[in-house]
PDB file of N, CA and C in Angstrom:
ATOM      1  N   UNK A   1      42.146 -52.575  10.384  1.00  0.00           N
ATOM      2  CA  UNK A   1      40.900 -52.264  11.030  1.00  0.00           C
ATOM      3  C   UNK A   1      40.292 -53.569  11.531  1.00  0.00           C
ATOM      4  N   UNK A   2      39.832 -53.539  12.752  1.00  0.00           N
ATOM      5  CA  UNK A   2      39.168 -54.700  13.341  1.00  0.00           C
ATOM      6  C   UNK A   2      37.688 -54.392  13.492  1.00  0.00           C
ATOM      7  N   UNK A   3      36.889 -55.431  13.312  1.00  0.00           N
ATOM      8  CA  UNK A   3      35.445 -55.323  13.446  1.00  0.00           C
ATOM      9  C   UNK A   3      35.000 -56.172  14.631  1.00  0.00           C
ATOM     10  N   UNK A   4      33.720 -56.085  14.956  1.00  0.00           N
ATOM     11  CA  UNK A   4      33.177 -56.926  16.019  1.00  0.00           C
ATOM     12  C   UNK A   4      33.345 -58.396  15.633  1.00  0.00           C
ATOM     13  N   UNK A   5      33.303 -59.259  16.623  1.00  0.00           N
ATOM     14  CA  UNK A   5      33.542 -60.685  16.383  1.00  0.00           C
ATOM     15  C   UNK A   5      32.600 -61.276  15.342  1.00  0.00           C
ATOM     16  N   UNK A   6      31.323 -60.871  15.366  1.00  0.00           N
ATOM     17  CA  UNK A   6      30.369 -61.430  14.399  1.00  0.00           C
ATOM     18  C   UNK A   6      30.696 -60.998  12.975  1.00  0.00           C
ATOM     19  N   UNK A   7      31.116 -59.737  12.798  1.00  0.00           N
ATOM     20  CA  UNK A   7      31.498 -59.266  11.471  1.00  0.00           C
ATOM     21  C   UNK A   7      32.799 -59.912  11.012  1.00  0.00           C
ATOM     22  N   UNK A   8      33.744 -60.091  11.920  1.00  0.00           N
ATOM     23  CA  UNK A   8      35.004 -60.754  11.561  1.00  0.00           C
ATOM     24  C   UNK A   8      34.749 -62.185  11.105  1.00  0.00           C
ATOM     25  N   UNK A   9      33.843 -62.879  11.780  1.00  0.00           N
ATOM     26  CA  UNK A   9      33.522 -64.256  11.395  1.00  0.00           C
ATOM     27  C   UNK A   9      32.871 -64.288  10.022  1.00  0.00           C
ATOM     28  N   UNK A  10      31.927 -63.377   9.791  1.00  0.00           N
ATOM     29  CA  UNK A  10      31.253 -63.317   8.491  1.00  0.00           C
ATOM     30  C   UNK A  10      32.244 -62.946   7.392  1.00  0.00           C
ATOM     31  N   UNK A  11      33.131 -62.017   7.677  1.00  0.00           N
ATOM     32  CA  UNK A  11      34.151 -61.601   6.716  1.00  0.00           C
ATOM     33  C   UNK A  11      35.083 -62.763   6.376  1.00  0.00           C
ATOM     34  N   UNK A  12      35.473 -63.502   7.376  1.00  0.00           N
ATOM     35  CA  UNK A  12      36.326 -64.669   7.168  1.00  0.00           C
ATOM     36  C   UNK A  12      35.622 -65.717   6.308  1.00  0.00           C
ATOM     37  N   UNK A  13      34.345 -65.956   6.590  1.00  0.00           N
ATOM     38  CA  UNK A  13      33.562 -66.911   5.793  1.00  0.00           C
ATOM     39  C   UNK A  13      33.454 -66.449   4.347  1.00  0.00           C
ATOM     40  N   UNK A  14      33.183 -65.171   4.145  1.00  0.00           N
ATOM     41  CA  UNK A  14      33.057 -64.610   2.799  1.00  0.00           C
ATOM     42  C   UNK A  14      34.361 -64.787   2.029  1.00  0.00           C
ATOM     43  N   UNK A  15      35.468 -64.428   2.665  1.00  0.00           N
ATOM     44  CA  UNK A  15      36.778 -64.533   2.012  1.00  0.00           C
ATOM     45  C   UNK A  15      37.085 -65.984   1.653  1.00  0.00           C
ATOM     46  N   UNK A  16      36.834 -66.886   2.577  1.00  0.00           N
ATOM     47  CA  UNK A  16      37.095 -68.305   2.321  1.00  0.00           C
ATOM     48  C   UNK A  16      36.226 -68.822   1.172  1.00  0.00           C
ATOM     49  N   UNK A  17      34.935 -68.493   1.196  1.00  0.00           N
ATOM     50  CA  UNK A  17      34.010 -68.966   0.161  1.00  0.00           C
ATOM     51  C   UNK A  17      34.366 -68.450  -1.222  1.00  0.00           C
ATOM     52  N   UNK A  18      35.013 -67.279  -1.294  1.00  0.00           N
ATOM     53  CA  UNK A  18      35.375 -66.677  -2.579  1.00  0.00           C
ATOM     54  C   UNK A  18      36.849 -66.875  -2.933  1.00  0.00           C
ATOM     55  N   UNK A  19      37.589 -67.548  -2.066  1.00  0.00           N
ATOM     56  CA  UNK A  19      38.998 -67.820  -2.340  1.00  0.00           C
ATOM     57  C   UNK A  19      39.856 -66.575  -2.414  1.00  0.00           C
ATOM     58  N   UNK A  20      39.558 -65.604  -1.555  1.00  0.00           N
ATOM     59  CA  UNK A  20      40.280 -64.332  -1.558  1.00  0.00           C
ATOM     60  C   UNK A  20      40.774 -64.035  -0.146  1.00  0.00           C
ATOM     61  N   UNK A  21      41.662 -63.045  -0.039  1.00  0.00           N
ATOM     62  CA  UNK A  21      42.130 -62.669   1.290  1.00  0.00           C
ATOM     63  C   UNK A  21      41.188 -61.636   1.913  1.00  0.00           C
ATOM     64  N   UNK A  22      41.444 -61.329   3.161  1.00  0.00           N
ATOM     65  CA  UNK A  22      40.574 -60.440   3.936  1.00  0.00           C
ATOM     66  C   UNK A  22      40.449 -59.056   3.291  1.00  0.00           C
ATOM     67  N   UNK A  23      41.578 -58.484   2.853  1.00  0.00           N
ATOM     68  CA  UNK A  23      41.540 -57.147   2.251  1.00  0.00           C
ATOM     69  C   UNK A  23      40.685 -57.119   0.990  1.00  0.00           C
ATOM     70  N   UNK A  24      40.823 -58.130   0.144  1.00  0.00           N
ATOM     71  CA  UNK A  24      40.018 -58.193  -1.076  1.00  0.00           C
ATOM     72  C   UNK A  24      38.547 -58.373  -0.726  1.00  0.00           C
ATOM     73  N   UNK A  25      38.265 -59.158   0.299  1.00  0.00           N
ATOM     74  CA  UNK A  25      36.875 -59.351   0.730  1.00  0.00           C
ATOM     75  C   UNK A  25      36.261 -58.024   1.160  1.00  0.00           C
ATOM     76  N   UNK A  26      37.004 -57.253   1.941  1.00  0.00           N
ATOM     77  CA  UNK A  26      36.508 -55.949   2.391  1.00  0.00           C
ATOM     78  C   UNK A  26      36.252 -55.044   1.191  1.00  0.00           C
ATOM     79  N   UNK A  27      37.181 -55.002   0.235  1.00  0.00           N
ATOM     80  CA  UNK A  27      37.001 -54.163  -0.950  1.00  0.00           C
ATOM     81  C   UNK A  27      35.749 -54.560  -1.726  1.00  0.00           C
ATOM     82  N   UNK A  28      35.549 -55.857  -1.921  1.00  0.00           N
ATOM     83  CA  UNK A  28      34.381 -56.313  -2.677  1.00  0.00           C
ATOM     84  C   UNK A  28      33.080 -55.974  -1.971  1.00  0.00           C
ATOM     85  N   UNK A  29      33.049 -56.174  -0.656  1.00  0.00           N
ATOM     86  CA  UNK A  29      31.836 -55.895   0.113  1.00  0.00           C
ATOM     87  C   UNK A  29      31.521 -54.405   0.101  1.00  0.00           C
ATOM     88  N   UNK A  30      32.529 -53.578   0.319  1.00  0.00           N
ATOM     89  CA  UNK A  30      32.317 -52.124   0.326  1.00  0.00           C
ATOM     90  C   UNK A  30      31.897 -51.646  -1.062  1.00  0.00           C
ATOM     91  N   UNK A  31      32.563 -52.138  -2.117  1.00  0.00           N
ATOM     92  CA  UNK A  31      32.208 -51.745  -3.482  1.00  0.00           C
ATOM     93  C   UNK A  31      30.752 -52.107  -3.780  1.00  0.00           C
ATOM     94  N   UNK A  32      30.352 -53.311  -3.428  1.00  0.00           N
ATOM     95  CA  UNK A  32      28.985 -53.761  -3.678  1.00  0.00           C
ATOM     96  C   UNK A  32      27.975 -52.889  -2.934  1.00  0.00           C
ATOM     97  N   UNK A  33      28.263 -52.587  -1.680  1.00  0.00           N
ATOM     98  CA  UNK A  33      27.361 -51.749  -0.890  1.00  0.00           C
ATOM     99  C   UNK A  33      27.254 -50.349  -1.483  1.00  0.00           C
ATOM    100  N   UNK A  34      28.364 -49.777  -1.928  1.00  0.00           N
ATOM    101  CA  UNK A  34      28.346 -48.429  -2.503  1.00  0.00           C
ATOM    102  C   UNK A  34      27.620 -48.400  -3.844  1.00  0.00           C
ATOM    103  N   UNK A  35      27.794 -49.423  -4.655  1.00  0.00           N
ATOM    104  CA  UNK A  35      27.068 -49.501  -5.926  1.00  0.00           C
ATOM    105  C   UNK A  35      25.580 -49.653  -5.657  1.00  0.00           C
ATOM    106  N   UNK A  36      25.225 -50.574  -4.759  1.00  0.00           N
ATOM    107  CA  UNK A  36      23.812 -50.808  -4.450  1.00  0.00           C
ATOM    108  C   UNK A  36      23.148 -49.583  -3.841  1.00  0.00           C
ATOM    109  N   UNK A  37      23.912 -48.780  -3.113  1.00  0.00           N
ATOM    110  CA  UNK A  37      23.377 -47.564  -2.509  1.00  0.00           C
ATOM    111  C   UNK A  37      23.350 -46.376  -3.451  1.00  0.00           C
ATOM    112  N   UNK A  38      23.904 -46.536  -4.646  1.00  0.00           N
ATOM    113  CA  UNK A  38      23.915 -45.456  -5.613  1.00  0.00           C
ATOM    114  C   UNK A  38      25.048 -44.461  -5.424  1.00  0.00           C
ATOM    115  N   UNK A  39      26.038 -44.819  -4.627  1.00  0.00           N
ATOM    116  CA  UNK A  39      27.152 -43.912  -4.360  1.00  0.00           C
ATOM    117  C   UNK A  39      28.331 -44.104  -5.297  1.00  0.00           C
ATOM    118  N   UNK A  40      28.323 -45.215  -6.045  1.00  0.00           N
ATOM    119  CA  UNK A  40      29.429 -45.541  -6.930  1.00  0.00           C
ATOM    120  C   UNK A  40      28.857 -46.127  -8.206  1.00  0.00           C
ATOM    121  N   UNK A  41      29.366 -45.653  -9.336  1.00  0.00           N
ATOM    122  CA  UNK A  41      28.912 -46.192 -10.620  1.00  0.00           C
ATOM    123  C   UNK A  41      29.385 -47.630 -10.756  1.00  0.00           C
ATOM    124  N   UNK A  42      28.530 -48.459 -11.306  1.00  0.00           N
ATOM    125  CA  UNK A  42      28.864 -49.877 -11.440  1.00  0.00           C
ATOM    126  C   UNK A  42      29.726 -50.162 -12.656  1.00  0.00           C
ATOM    127  N   UNK A  43      29.813 -49.203 -13.560  1.00  0.00           N
ATOM    128  CA  UNK A  43      30.541 -49.430 -14.795  1.00  0.00           C
ATOM    129  C   UNK A  43      29.634 -49.928 -15.904  1.00  0.00           C
ATOM    130  N   UNK A  44      28.407 -50.295 -15.533  1.00  0.00           N
ATOM    131  CA  UNK A  44      27.438 -50.715 -16.536  1.00  0.00           C
ATOM    132  C   UNK A  44      26.723 -49.481 -17.064  1.00  0.00           C
ATOM    133  N   UNK A  45      26.372 -49.523 -18.341  1.00  0.00           N
ATOM    134  CA  UNK A  45      25.681 -48.387 -18.930  1.00  0.00           C
ATOM    135  C   UNK A  45      24.198 -48.453 -18.616  1.00  0.00           C
ATOM    136  N   UNK A  46      23.555 -47.314 -18.753  1.00  0.00           N
ATOM    137  CA  UNK A  46      22.114 -47.272 -18.574  1.00  0.00           C
ATOM    138  C   UNK A  46      21.718 -46.718 -17.219  1.00  0.00           C
ATOM    139  N   UNK A  47      20.418 -46.566 -17.062  1.00  0.00           N
ATOM    140  CA  UNK A  47      19.848 -46.043 -15.833  1.00  0.00           C
ATOM    141  C   UNK A  47      19.281 -47.223 -15.048  1.00  0.00           C
ATOM    142  N   UNK A  48      19.629 -47.330 -13.767  1.00  0.00           N
ATOM    143  CA  UNK A  48      19.074 -48.425 -12.980  1.00  0.00           C
ATOM    144  C   UNK A  48      17.550 -48.325 -12.923  1.00  0.00           C
ATOM    145  N   UNK A  49      16.853 -49.438 -12.897  1.00  0.00           N
ATOM    146  CA  UNK A  49      15.387 -49.419 -12.906  1.00  0.00           C
ATOM    147  C   UNK A  49      14.776 -48.536 -11.834  1.00  0.00           C
ATOM    148  N   UNK A  50      15.369 -48.505 -10.650  1.00  0.00           N
ATOM    149  CA  UNK A  50      14.795 -47.704  -9.564  1.00  0.00           C
ATOM    150  C   UNK A  50      14.926 -46.203  -9.805  1.00  0.00           C
ATOM    151  N   UNK A  51      15.757 -45.795 -10.774  1.00  0.00           N
ATOM    152  CA  UNK A  51      15.926 -44.369 -11.078  1.00  0.00           C
ATOM    153  C   UNK A  51      15.147 -43.950 -12.329  1.00  0.00           C
ATOM    154  N   UNK A  52      14.480 -44.889 -12.974  1.00  0.00           N
ATOM    155  CA  UNK A  52      13.687 -44.552 -14.160  1.00  0.00           C
ATOM    156  C   UNK A  52      12.428 -43.799 -13.758  1.00  0.00           C
ATOM    157  N   UNK A  53      12.074 -42.807 -14.592  1.00  0.00           N
ATOM    158  CA  UNK A  53      10.821 -42.085 -14.403  1.00  0.00           C
ATOM    159  C   UNK A  53      10.392 -41.524 -15.751  1.00  0.00           C
ATOM    160  N   UNK A  54       9.287 -40.828 -15.786  1.00  0.00           N
ATOM    161  CA  UNK A  54       8.749 -40.329 -17.053  1.00  0.00           C
ATOM    162  C   UNK A  54       9.714 -39.371 -17.753  1.00  0.00           C
ATOM    163  N   UNK A  55      10.517 -38.629 -17.000  1.00  0.00           N
ATOM    164  CA  UNK A  55      11.410 -37.651 -17.625  1.00  0.00           C
ATOM    165  C   UNK A  55      12.620 -38.295 -18.301  1.00  0.00           C
ATOM    166  N   UNK A  56      12.984 -39.510 -17.934  1.00  0.00           N
ATOM    167  CA  UNK A  56      14.138 -40.142 -18.566  1.00  0.00           C
ATOM    168  C   UNK A  56      13.768 -41.428 -19.303  1.00  0.00           C
ATOM    169  N   UNK A  57      12.501 -41.605 -19.574  1.00  0.00           N
ATOM    170  CA  UNK A  57      12.013 -42.790 -20.289  1.00  0.00           C
ATOM    171  C   UNK A  57      11.984 -42.498 -21.778  1.00  0.00           C
ATOM    172  N   UNK A  58      13.001 -42.969 -22.503  1.00  0.00           N
ATOM    173  CA  UNK A  58      13.075 -42.712 -23.945  1.00  0.00           C
ATOM    174  C   UNK A  58      12.514 -43.860 -24.729  1.00  0.00           C
TER     175      UNK A  58
END
């Protein structure tokens, strides 16, 4: 998959800064975005602060 030139440059910088290849960089970025968006469990236990409310406050 190819991205726009600006995204390809940013992806290349990210991969270089983390010492990983392009595919691993894409996986890490997508995983982080999905976790931050609430679409994927992070593997950490507990309820994220933004999801706390009176009904789940023990």
